Amino acid sequence: MKWRELHNETNTTHPQWSECVHYINNLPESDQKRRNRAKQLFLYLIINDAMSYEPEFIEVQLHQLFEHVSQLASFHLTEEKDNHHG
């Protein structure tokens, strides 16, 4: 990751990472999986210079995707169980 510091500044953080950390810190502490996913995704996007949207928008989309996949997996497992017992 690269960013510029002014001569009188030291130990600053990447500006996009600062926004991401602020967003992550506002996610529910009880949802560590969600917080970890967000952190991993944000770091990946920043390192690859692909962070083109606000952290909130990106994370909400990711979270909705995981929720949807989880529901599909649960439905599939329930359907499989019913087919084996029916």
N, C-alpha and C. Protein backbone atom coordinates (compact mmCIF):
# COMPACT_ATOMS: atom_id res chain seq x y z
N MET A 1 0.85 -1.17 0.00
CA MET A 1 0.00 0.00 0.00
C MET A 1 0.89 1.23 0.00
N LYS A 2 0.48 2.21 -0.72
CA LYS A 2 1.25 3.45 -0.77
C LYS A 2 0.33 4.63 -0.47
N TRP A 3 0.86 5.61 0.21
CA TRP A 3 0.19 6.88 0.40
C TRP A 3 1.23 7.92 0.76
N ARG A 4 0.85 9.15 0.67
CA ARG A 4 1.80 10.22 0.92
C ARG A 4 1.56 10.84 2.29
N GLU A 5 2.65 11.11 2.95
CA GLU A 5 2.62 11.83 4.22
C GLU A 5 3.27 13.19 3.99
N LEU A 6 2.77 14.18 4.67
CA LEU A 6 3.44 15.48 4.64
C LEU A 6 4.72 15.37 5.46
N HIS A 7 5.63 16.27 5.25
CA HIS A 7 6.91 16.23 5.96
C HIS A 7 6.75 16.28 7.48
N ASN A 8 5.74 16.98 7.94
CA ASN A 8 5.56 17.10 9.39
C ASN A 8 4.68 16.00 9.98
N GLU A 9 4.29 15.03 9.16
CA GLU A 9 3.46 13.92 9.64
C GLU A 9 4.27 12.63 9.63
N THR A 10 4.03 11.81 10.63
CA THR A 10 4.65 10.48 10.65
C THR A 10 3.65 9.48 11.19
N ASN A 11 3.85 8.25 10.83
CA ASN A 11 3.00 7.15 11.29
C ASN A 11 1.52 7.35 10.99
N THR A 12 1.21 7.91 9.84
CA THR A 12 -0.20 8.03 9.45
C THR A 12 -0.66 6.71 8.86
N THR A 13 -1.95 6.55 8.71
CA THR A 13 -2.48 5.34 8.09
C THR A 13 -3.01 5.69 6.71
N HIS A 14 -3.13 4.68 5.90
CA HIS A 14 -3.66 4.85 4.55
C HIS A 14 -5.06 5.47 4.69
N PRO A 15 -5.34 6.53 3.92
CA PRO A 15 -6.65 7.21 4.08
C PRO A 15 -7.85 6.30 3.86
N GLN A 16 -7.78 5.43 2.88
CA GLN A 16 -8.91 4.51 2.65
C GLN A 16 -9.00 3.49 3.79
N TRP A 17 -7.86 3.05 4.30
CA TRP A 17 -7.88 2.09 5.40
C TRP A 17 -8.50 2.71 6.64
N SER A 18 -8.24 3.98 6.88
CA SER A 18 -8.84 4.67 8.03
C SER A 18 -10.36 4.64 7.94
N GLU A 19 -10.89 4.88 6.75
CA GLU A 19 -12.35 4.83 6.56
C GLU A 19 -12.87 3.41 6.82
N CYS A 20 -12.13 2.43 6.34
CA CYS A 20 -12.54 1.03 6.50
C CYS A 20 -12.55 0.63 7.97
N VAL A 21 -11.50 1.01 8.69
CA VAL A 21 -11.41 0.68 10.11
C VAL A 21 -12.57 1.32 10.87
N HIS A 22 -12.88 2.55 10.52
CA HIS A 22 -14.01 3.23 11.17
C HIS A 22 -15.30 2.45 10.92
N TYR A 23 -15.51 2.01 9.69
CA TYR A 23 -16.71 1.24 9.37
C TYR A 23 -16.72 -0.10 10.12
N ILE A 24 -15.60 -0.81 10.09
CA ILE A 24 -15.51 -2.11 10.77
C ILE A 24 -15.81 -1.96 12.26
N ASN A 25 -15.29 -0.92 12.86
CA ASN A 25 -15.50 -0.69 14.29
C ASN A 25 -16.96 -0.42 14.63
N ASN A 26 -17.75 -0.04 13.64
CA ASN A 26 -19.18 0.20 13.87
C ASN A 26 -20.05 -1.03 13.59
N LEU A 27 -19.43 -2.10 13.10
CA LEU A 27 -20.17 -3.35 12.93
C LEU A 27 -20.37 -3.99 14.30
N PRO A 28 -21.41 -4.81 14.45
CA PRO A 28 -21.66 -5.44 15.75
C PRO A 28 -20.45 -6.28 16.21
N GLU A 29 -20.02 -6.06 17.44
CA GLU A 29 -18.89 -6.82 17.98
C GLU A 29 -19.21 -8.30 18.07
N SER A 30 -20.49 -8.62 18.19
CA SER A 30 -20.91 -10.02 18.30
C SER A 30 -20.78 -10.77 16.98
N ASP A 31 -20.59 -10.05 15.87
CA ASP A 31 -20.50 -10.67 14.55
C ASP A 31 -19.06 -10.63 14.04
N GLN A 32 -18.20 -11.43 14.70
CA GLN A 32 -16.78 -11.43 14.35
C GLN A 32 -16.52 -11.94 12.93
N LYS A 33 -17.31 -12.89 12.47
CA LYS A 33 -17.11 -13.39 11.10
C LYS A 33 -17.32 -12.27 10.10
N ARG A 34 -18.37 -11.49 10.31
CA ARG A 34 -18.65 -10.38 9.40
C ARG A 34 -17.53 -9.34 9.46
N ARG A 35 -17.06 -9.03 10.65
CA ARG A 35 -15.98 -8.06 10.80
C ARG A 35 -14.70 -8.55 10.12
N ASN A 36 -14.39 -9.84 10.29
CA ASN A 36 -13.18 -10.40 9.67
C ASN A 36 -13.29 -10.42 8.15
N ARG A 37 -14.47 -10.79 7.63
CA ARG A 37 -14.66 -10.77 6.17
C ARG A 37 -14.46 -9.38 5.62
N ALA A 38 -15.04 -8.40 6.30
CA ALA A 38 -14.92 -7.01 5.84
C ALA A 38 -13.46 -6.58 5.84
N LYS A 39 -12.75 -6.89 6.91
CA LYS A 39 -11.34 -6.52 6.99
C LYS A 39 -10.54 -7.15 5.85
N GLN A 40 -10.74 -8.45 5.62
CA GLN A 40 -10.02 -9.13 4.55
C GLN A 40 -10.33 -8.53 3.19
N LEU A 41 -11.61 -8.27 2.93
CA LEU A 41 -11.99 -7.71 1.64
C LEU A 41 -11.41 -6.31 1.46
N PHE A 42 -11.52 -5.46 2.48
CA PHE A 42 -11.00 -4.10 2.37
C PHE A 42 -9.50 -4.10 2.12
N LEU A 43 -8.77 -4.94 2.85
CA LEU A 43 -7.32 -5.00 2.64
C LEU A 43 -6.99 -5.46 1.22
N TYR A 44 -7.70 -6.47 0.76
CA TYR A 44 -7.49 -6.96 -0.61
C TYR A 44 -7.73 -5.84 -1.62
N LEU A 45 -8.84 -5.13 -1.48
CA LEU A 45 -9.18 -4.08 -2.44
C LEU A 45 -8.18 -2.92 -2.39
N ILE A 46 -7.75 -2.53 -1.20
CA ILE A 46 -6.79 -1.43 -1.09
C ILE A 46 -5.44 -1.83 -1.67
N ILE A 47 -4.98 -3.02 -1.31
CA ILE A 47 -3.67 -3.48 -1.81
C ILE A 47 -3.67 -3.57 -3.33
N ASN A 48 -4.80 -3.98 -3.90
CA ASN A 48 -4.89 -4.11 -5.36
C ASN A 48 -5.42 -2.85 -6.04
N ASP A 49 -5.46 -1.76 -5.30
CA ASP A 49 -5.90 -0.46 -5.82
C ASP A 49 -7.26 -0.57 -6.53
N ALA A 50 -8.18 -1.28 -5.86
CA ALA A 50 -9.50 -1.51 -6.45
C ALA A 50 -10.63 -1.01 -5.55
N MET A 51 -10.30 -0.19 -4.58
CA MET A 51 -11.31 0.32 -3.64
C MET A 51 -12.00 1.53 -4.30
N SER A 52 -13.07 1.26 -5.04
CA SER A 52 -13.70 2.33 -5.80
C SER A 52 -15.04 2.79 -5.23
N TYR A 53 -15.50 2.16 -4.16
CA TYR A 53 -16.76 2.53 -3.53
C TYR A 53 -16.54 2.76 -2.04
N GLU A 54 -17.55 3.32 -1.40
CA GLU A 54 -17.48 3.53 0.04
C GLU A 54 -17.45 2.18 0.75
N PRO A 55 -16.72 2.08 1.85
CA PRO A 55 -16.64 0.80 2.58
C PRO A 55 -18.01 0.24 2.94
N GLU A 56 -18.93 1.11 3.36
CA GLU A 56 -20.26 0.64 3.76
C GLU A 56 -20.97 -0.06 2.61
N PHE A 57 -20.93 0.54 1.43
CA PHE A 57 -21.61 -0.04 0.28
C PHE A 57 -21.04 -1.42 -0.04
N ILE A 58 -19.71 -1.52 -0.07
CA ILE A 58 -19.05 -2.78 -0.40
C ILE A 58 -19.38 -3.85 0.64
N GLU A 59 -19.27 -3.51 1.90
CA GLU A 59 -19.49 -4.51 2.96
C GLU A 59 -20.94 -4.95 3.01
N VAL A 60 -21.87 -4.04 2.83
CA VAL A 60 -23.29 -4.42 2.86
C VAL A 60 -23.59 -5.40 1.72
N GLN A 61 -23.02 -5.13 0.55
CA GLN A 61 -23.23 -6.04 -0.59
C GLN A 61 -22.64 -7.41 -0.28
N LEU A 62 -21.44 -7.43 0.28
CA LEU A 62 -20.80 -8.70 0.65
C LEU A 62 -21.64 -9.44 1.70
N HIS A 63 -22.10 -8.73 2.70
CA HIS A 63 -22.89 -9.35 3.77
C HIS A 63 -24.19 -9.93 3.21
N GLN A 64 -24.85 -9.20 2.33
CA GLN A 64 -26.08 -9.69 1.72
C GLN A 64 -25.81 -10.95 0.89
N LEU A 65 -24.68 -10.97 0.21
CA LEU A 65 -24.31 -12.14 -0.57
C LEU A 65 -24.13 -13.35 0.35
N PHE A 66 -23.41 -13.18 1.46
CA PHE A 66 -23.21 -14.28 2.39
C PHE A 66 -24.53 -14.74 3.00
N GLU A 67 -25.41 -13.80 3.32
CA GLU A 67 -26.73 -14.16 3.86
C GLU A 67 -27.52 -14.99 2.84
N HIS A 68 -27.48 -14.56 1.59
CA HIS A 68 -28.22 -15.26 0.54
C HIS A 68 -27.66 -16.66 0.33
N VAL A 69 -26.36 -16.79 0.24
CA VAL A 69 -25.73 -18.10 0.06
C VAL A 69 -26.05 -19.01 1.24
N SER A 70 -26.03 -18.46 2.44
CA SER A 70 -26.34 -19.24 3.63
C SER A 70 -27.78 -19.76 3.57
N GLN A 71 -28.71 -18.91 3.14
CA GLN A 71 -30.11 -19.34 3.01
C GLN A 71 -30.25 -20.43 1.95
N LEU A 72 -29.54 -20.27 0.83
CA LEU A 72 -29.60 -21.29 -0.22
C LEU A 72 -29.04 -22.62 0.27
N ALA A 73 -27.94 -22.56 1.00
CA ALA A 73 -27.33 -23.78 1.53
C ALA A 73 -28.28 -24.46 2.52
N SER A 74 -28.92 -23.68 3.38
CA SER A 74 -29.87 -24.25 4.34
C SER A 74 -31.05 -24.88 3.62
N PHE A 75 -31.55 -24.21 2.61
CA PHE A 75 -32.67 -24.73 1.83
C PHE A 75 -32.28 -26.04 1.15
N HIS A 76 -31.10 -26.05 0.56
CA HIS A 76 -30.61 -27.25 -0.13
C HIS A 76 -30.47 -28.42 0.84
N LEU A 77 -29.93 -28.17 2.03
CA LEU A 77 -29.76 -29.23 3.02
C LEU A 77 -31.11 -29.76 3.49
N THR A 78 -32.06 -28.86 3.70
CA THR A 78 -33.40 -29.26 4.13
C THR A 78 -34.07 -30.09 3.05
N GLU A 79 -33.93 -29.65 1.82
CA GLU A 79 -34.53 -30.36 0.69
C GLU A 79 -33.91 -31.76 0.56
N GLU A 80 -32.59 -31.85 0.72
CA GLU A 80 -31.90 -33.14 0.65
C GLU A 80 -32.39 -34.09 1.73
N LYS A 81 -32.55 -33.56 2.96
CA LYS A 81 -33.03 -34.36 4.09
C LYS A 81 -34.42 -34.90 3.79
N ASP A 82 -35.30 -34.01 3.28
CA ASP A 82 -36.68 -34.41 2.97
C ASP A 82 -36.71 -35.49 1.89
N ASN A 83 -35.83 -35.40 0.91
CA ASN A 83 -35.80 -36.39 -0.18
C ASN A 83 -35.32 -37.76 0.32
N HIS A 84 -34.44 -37.76 1.29
CA HIS A 84 -33.94 -39.02 1.82
C HIS A 84 -34.92 -39.69 2.79
N HIS A 85 -35.76 -38.89 3.41
CA HIS A 85 -36.70 -39.44 4.38
C HIS A 85 -38.10 -39.62 3.79
N GLY A 86 -38.32 -39.15 2.60
CA GLY A 86 -39.66 -39.18 2.02
C GLY A 86 -39.89 -40.29 1.13
